Structure formats: structure tokens, C-alpha cells
């Protein structure tokens, strides 16, 4: 029977994660903003019946940046 090497989560020593943590990735994406676009077409026999379009902007909100509206915005 061949000797198996221990997996990183079974050892007592600390192993640094490889890559970028998810929290850092989300922080970077939301700081600059992300645009998500997509189309979904439901068709039967190559006849399109329903078309759904998705356009979304994901971004963080900062209190230090003033609202572009004169009255402070809709909220």
C-alpha cells in the first residue's frame, strides 16, 4: 500500500491560501462596479415566445460621494 501525503487541512502547520480570497475579490469588484448583462429566449420549434433581458449594475455606496440629484435623491 503506497504512503499517502497528508492534505493541507489535515496537517497542524499553517498553510497560506493560494489566490485571492473571495472577500478581497468582491471588495475590488464592488469598488469599481460590475455590469451584468444577459438575454434569455424561450422558444418552441425555433419560434421565440418569451425574451427576457437583464441589465444590472452592481456597485458599492459611499457616503462621502454626494448624490447627483439636487434634493438628495429618491431615498
N, C-alpha and C. Protein backbone atom coordinates (compact mmCIF):
# COMPACT_ATOMS: atom_id res chain seq x y z
N UNK A 1 0.85 -1.17 0.00
CA UNK A 1 0.00 0.00 0.00
C UNK A 1 0.90 1.24 0.00
N UNK A 2 0.73 2.16 -0.98
CA UNK A 2 1.59 3.34 -1.05
C UNK A 2 1.26 4.34 0.05
N UNK A 3 2.29 5.03 0.52
CA UNK A 3 2.08 6.06 1.55
C UNK A 3 1.43 7.28 0.91
N UNK A 4 0.42 7.80 1.55
CA UNK A 4 -0.27 8.98 1.01
C UNK A 4 0.21 10.22 1.75
N UNK A 5 0.31 11.30 1.03
CA UNK A 5 0.70 12.57 1.64
C UNK A 5 -0.53 13.19 2.30
N UNK A 6 -0.35 13.86 3.43
CA UNK A 6 -1.50 14.49 4.09
C UNK A 6 -2.00 15.68 3.28
N UNK A 7 -3.29 15.87 3.29
CA UNK A 7 -3.87 17.03 2.63
C UNK A 7 -3.67 18.24 3.53
N UNK A 8 -3.68 19.48 2.96
CA UNK A 8 -3.35 20.67 3.77
C UNK A 8 -4.24 20.86 4.99
N UNK A 9 -5.50 20.47 4.94
CA UNK A 9 -6.37 20.70 6.09
C UNK A 9 -6.21 19.64 7.18
N UNK A 10 -5.43 18.59 6.92
CA UNK A 10 -5.18 17.58 7.94
C UNK A 10 -3.88 17.81 8.71
N UNK A 11 -3.05 18.75 8.30
CA UNK A 11 -1.78 18.98 8.98
C UNK A 11 -1.94 20.03 10.07
N UNK A 12 -1.00 20.05 11.01
CA UNK A 12 -1.03 21.02 12.09
C UNK A 12 -0.36 22.34 11.71
N UNK A 13 0.42 22.34 10.64
CA UNK A 13 1.10 23.58 10.25
C UNK A 13 0.18 24.47 9.44
N UNK A 14 0.43 25.77 9.51
CA UNK A 14 -0.39 26.75 8.80
C UNK A 14 0.01 26.77 7.34
N UNK A 15 -0.98 26.71 6.47
CA UNK A 15 -0.74 26.79 5.03
C UNK A 15 -1.47 28.02 4.51
N UNK A 16 -0.74 28.92 3.87
CA UNK A 16 -1.34 30.14 3.35
C UNK A 16 -2.23 29.81 2.15
N UNK A 17 -3.38 30.49 2.02
CA UNK A 17 -4.26 30.22 0.90
C UNK A 17 -3.63 30.68 -0.42
N UNK A 18 -3.95 29.96 -1.46
CA UNK A 18 -3.43 30.29 -2.79
C UNK A 18 -4.49 31.11 -3.50
N UNK A 19 -4.08 32.21 -4.13
CA UNK A 19 -5.01 33.05 -4.87
C UNK A 19 -5.54 34.19 -4.04
N UNK A 20 -6.62 34.79 -4.51
CA UNK A 20 -7.22 35.95 -3.86
C UNK A 20 -8.44 35.48 -3.07
N UNK A 21 -8.55 35.86 -1.79
CA UNK A 21 -9.74 35.48 -1.03
C UNK A 21 -11.00 36.10 -1.64
N UNK A 22 -12.12 35.45 -1.46
CA UNK A 22 -13.38 35.89 -2.05
C UNK A 22 -13.77 37.28 -1.57
N UNK A 23 -13.50 37.59 -0.30
CA UNK A 23 -13.85 38.91 0.25
C UNK A 23 -13.06 40.00 -0.47
N UNK A 24 -11.78 39.79 -0.71
CA UNK A 24 -10.98 40.77 -1.42
C UNK A 24 -11.44 40.94 -2.86
N UNK A 25 -11.80 39.84 -3.49
CA UNK A 25 -12.29 39.90 -4.87
C UNK A 25 -13.59 40.69 -4.95
N UNK A 26 -14.53 40.44 -4.04
CA UNK A 26 -15.78 41.20 -4.03
C UNK A 26 -15.55 42.66 -3.72
N UNK A 27 -14.62 42.96 -2.82
CA UNK A 27 -14.30 44.35 -2.50
C UNK A 27 -13.77 45.08 -3.72
N UNK A 28 -12.89 44.45 -4.46
CA UNK A 28 -12.33 45.07 -5.67
C UNK A 28 -13.41 45.27 -6.74
N UNK A 29 -14.26 44.27 -6.91
CA UNK A 29 -15.30 44.37 -7.93
C UNK A 29 -16.33 45.45 -7.60
N UNK A 30 -16.76 45.52 -6.34
CA UNK A 30 -17.76 46.49 -5.96
C UNK A 30 -17.21 47.91 -5.88
N UNK A 31 -15.92 48.05 -5.63
CA UNK A 31 -15.31 49.38 -5.59
C UNK A 31 -15.32 50.03 -6.96
N UNK A 32 -15.16 49.23 -8.00
CA UNK A 32 -15.15 49.78 -9.36
C UNK A 32 -16.48 49.63 -10.06
N UNK A 33 -17.30 48.68 -9.65
CA UNK A 33 -18.60 48.44 -10.27
C UNK A 33 -18.52 47.31 -11.26
N UNK A 34 -19.61 46.58 -11.37
CA UNK A 34 -19.70 45.44 -12.28
C UNK A 34 -21.01 45.55 -13.03
N UNK A 35 -20.96 45.36 -14.34
CA UNK A 35 -22.17 45.35 -15.15
C UNK A 35 -22.45 43.91 -15.58
N UNK A 36 -23.68 43.46 -15.32
CA UNK A 36 -24.10 42.12 -15.70
C UNK A 36 -25.19 42.27 -16.76
N UNK A 37 -24.99 41.66 -17.91
CA UNK A 37 -25.98 41.72 -18.99
C UNK A 37 -26.22 40.33 -19.52
N UNK A 38 -27.45 40.09 -19.91
CA UNK A 38 -27.76 38.79 -20.48
C UNK A 38 -29.13 38.78 -21.12
N UNK A 39 -29.33 37.86 -22.02
CA UNK A 39 -30.60 37.66 -22.70
C UNK A 39 -31.00 36.20 -22.57
N UNK A 40 -32.27 35.97 -22.35
CA UNK A 40 -32.82 34.62 -22.29
C UNK A 40 -34.01 34.57 -23.22
N UNK A 41 -33.97 33.65 -24.18
CA UNK A 41 -35.06 33.50 -25.13
C UNK A 41 -35.63 32.10 -24.97
N UNK A 42 -36.94 32.03 -24.72
CA UNK A 42 -37.63 30.75 -24.64
C UNK A 42 -38.37 30.56 -25.95
N UNK A 43 -38.04 29.46 -26.64
CA UNK A 43 -38.62 29.21 -27.95
C UNK A 43 -39.09 27.77 -28.06
N UNK A 44 -40.11 27.58 -28.86
CA UNK A 44 -40.60 26.24 -29.19
C UNK A 44 -40.59 26.12 -30.70
N UNK A 45 -39.96 25.08 -31.21
CA UNK A 45 -39.84 24.83 -32.65
C UNK A 45 -39.24 26.05 -33.37
N UNK A 46 -38.21 26.62 -32.76
CA UNK A 46 -37.49 27.78 -33.28
C UNK A 46 -38.37 29.02 -33.45
N UNK A 47 -39.47 29.09 -32.70
CA UNK A 47 -40.32 30.27 -32.67
C UNK A 47 -40.15 30.91 -31.30
N UNK A 48 -39.52 32.08 -31.24
CA UNK A 48 -39.31 32.73 -29.94
C UNK A 48 -40.64 33.17 -29.32
N UNK A 49 -40.86 32.74 -28.09
CA UNK A 49 -42.10 33.08 -27.39
C UNK A 49 -41.89 34.16 -26.34
N UNK A 50 -40.83 34.03 -25.58
CA UNK A 50 -40.55 34.97 -24.49
C UNK A 50 -39.08 35.38 -24.58
N UNK A 51 -38.84 36.67 -24.42
CA UNK A 51 -37.46 37.17 -24.36
C UNK A 51 -37.30 37.98 -23.09
N UNK A 52 -36.33 37.60 -22.30
CA UNK A 52 -36.01 38.33 -21.07
C UNK A 52 -34.62 38.94 -21.21
N UNK A 53 -34.51 40.22 -20.91
CA UNK A 53 -33.21 40.90 -20.94
C UNK A 53 -32.85 41.34 -19.53
N UNK A 54 -31.62 41.11 -19.16
CA UNK A 54 -31.13 41.50 -17.84
C UNK A 54 -29.97 42.47 -18.02
N UNK A 55 -30.09 43.61 -17.38
CA UNK A 55 -29.01 44.59 -17.34
C UNK A 55 -28.95 45.10 -15.91
N UNK A 56 -27.87 44.80 -15.21
CA UNK A 56 -27.75 45.19 -13.81
C UNK A 56 -26.38 45.79 -13.56
N UNK A 57 -26.34 46.79 -12.71
CA UNK A 57 -25.10 47.41 -12.28
C UNK A 57 -24.94 47.15 -10.79
N UNK A 58 -23.84 46.51 -10.42
CA UNK A 58 -23.54 46.24 -9.02
C UNK A 58 -22.38 47.13 -8.61
N UNK A 59 -22.59 47.91 -7.56
CA UNK A 59 -21.56 48.83 -7.11
C UNK A 59 -21.76 49.11 -5.63
N UNK A 60 -20.72 49.54 -4.98
CA UNK A 60 -20.84 49.89 -3.57
C UNK A 60 -21.31 51.34 -3.43
N UNK A 61 -21.81 51.68 -2.26
CA UNK A 61 -22.30 53.02 -1.97
C UNK A 61 -21.35 53.67 -0.99
N UNK A 62 -21.01 54.92 -1.26
CA UNK A 62 -20.08 55.65 -0.42
C UNK A 62 -20.76 56.93 0.05
N UNK A 63 -20.80 57.17 1.36
CA UNK A 63 -21.45 58.37 1.88
C UNK A 63 -20.65 59.64 1.57
N UNK A 64 -19.37 59.50 1.28
CA UNK A 64 -18.54 60.67 1.02
C UNK A 64 -18.80 61.26 -0.36
N UNK A 65 -19.36 60.48 -1.28
CA UNK A 65 -19.65 60.97 -2.62
C UNK A 65 -21.06 61.54 -2.61
N UNK A 66 -21.23 62.82 -2.98
CA UNK A 66 -22.58 63.41 -2.95
C UNK A 66 -23.49 62.82 -4.02
N UNK A 67 -24.78 62.86 -3.75
CA UNK A 67 -25.77 62.36 -4.71
C UNK A 67 -25.81 63.29 -5.91
N UNK A 68 -26.05 62.75 -7.10
CA UNK A 68 -26.11 63.59 -8.30
C UNK A 68 -27.41 64.39 -8.39
N UNK A 69 -28.39 64.11 -7.51
CA UNK A 69 -29.65 64.82 -7.54
C UNK A 69 -29.59 66.04 -6.62
N UNK A 70 -30.29 67.10 -6.98
CA UNK A 70 -30.25 68.34 -6.20
C UNK A 70 -30.93 68.18 -4.85
N UNK A 71 -31.97 67.36 -4.75
CA UNK A 71 -32.71 67.23 -3.49
C UNK A 71 -32.19 66.08 -2.64
N UNK A 72 -31.10 65.44 -3.00
CA UNK A 72 -30.54 64.35 -2.22
C UNK A 72 -30.95 62.98 -2.72
N UNK A 73 -31.82 62.92 -3.70
CA UNK A 73 -32.17 61.63 -4.30
C UNK A 73 -33.52 61.11 -3.87
N UNK A 74 -33.90 59.98 -4.43
CA UNK A 74 -35.23 59.44 -4.15
C UNK A 74 -35.39 58.83 -2.76
N UNK A 75 -34.32 58.60 -2.03
CA UNK A 75 -34.46 57.97 -0.72
C UNK A 75 -34.56 58.98 0.35
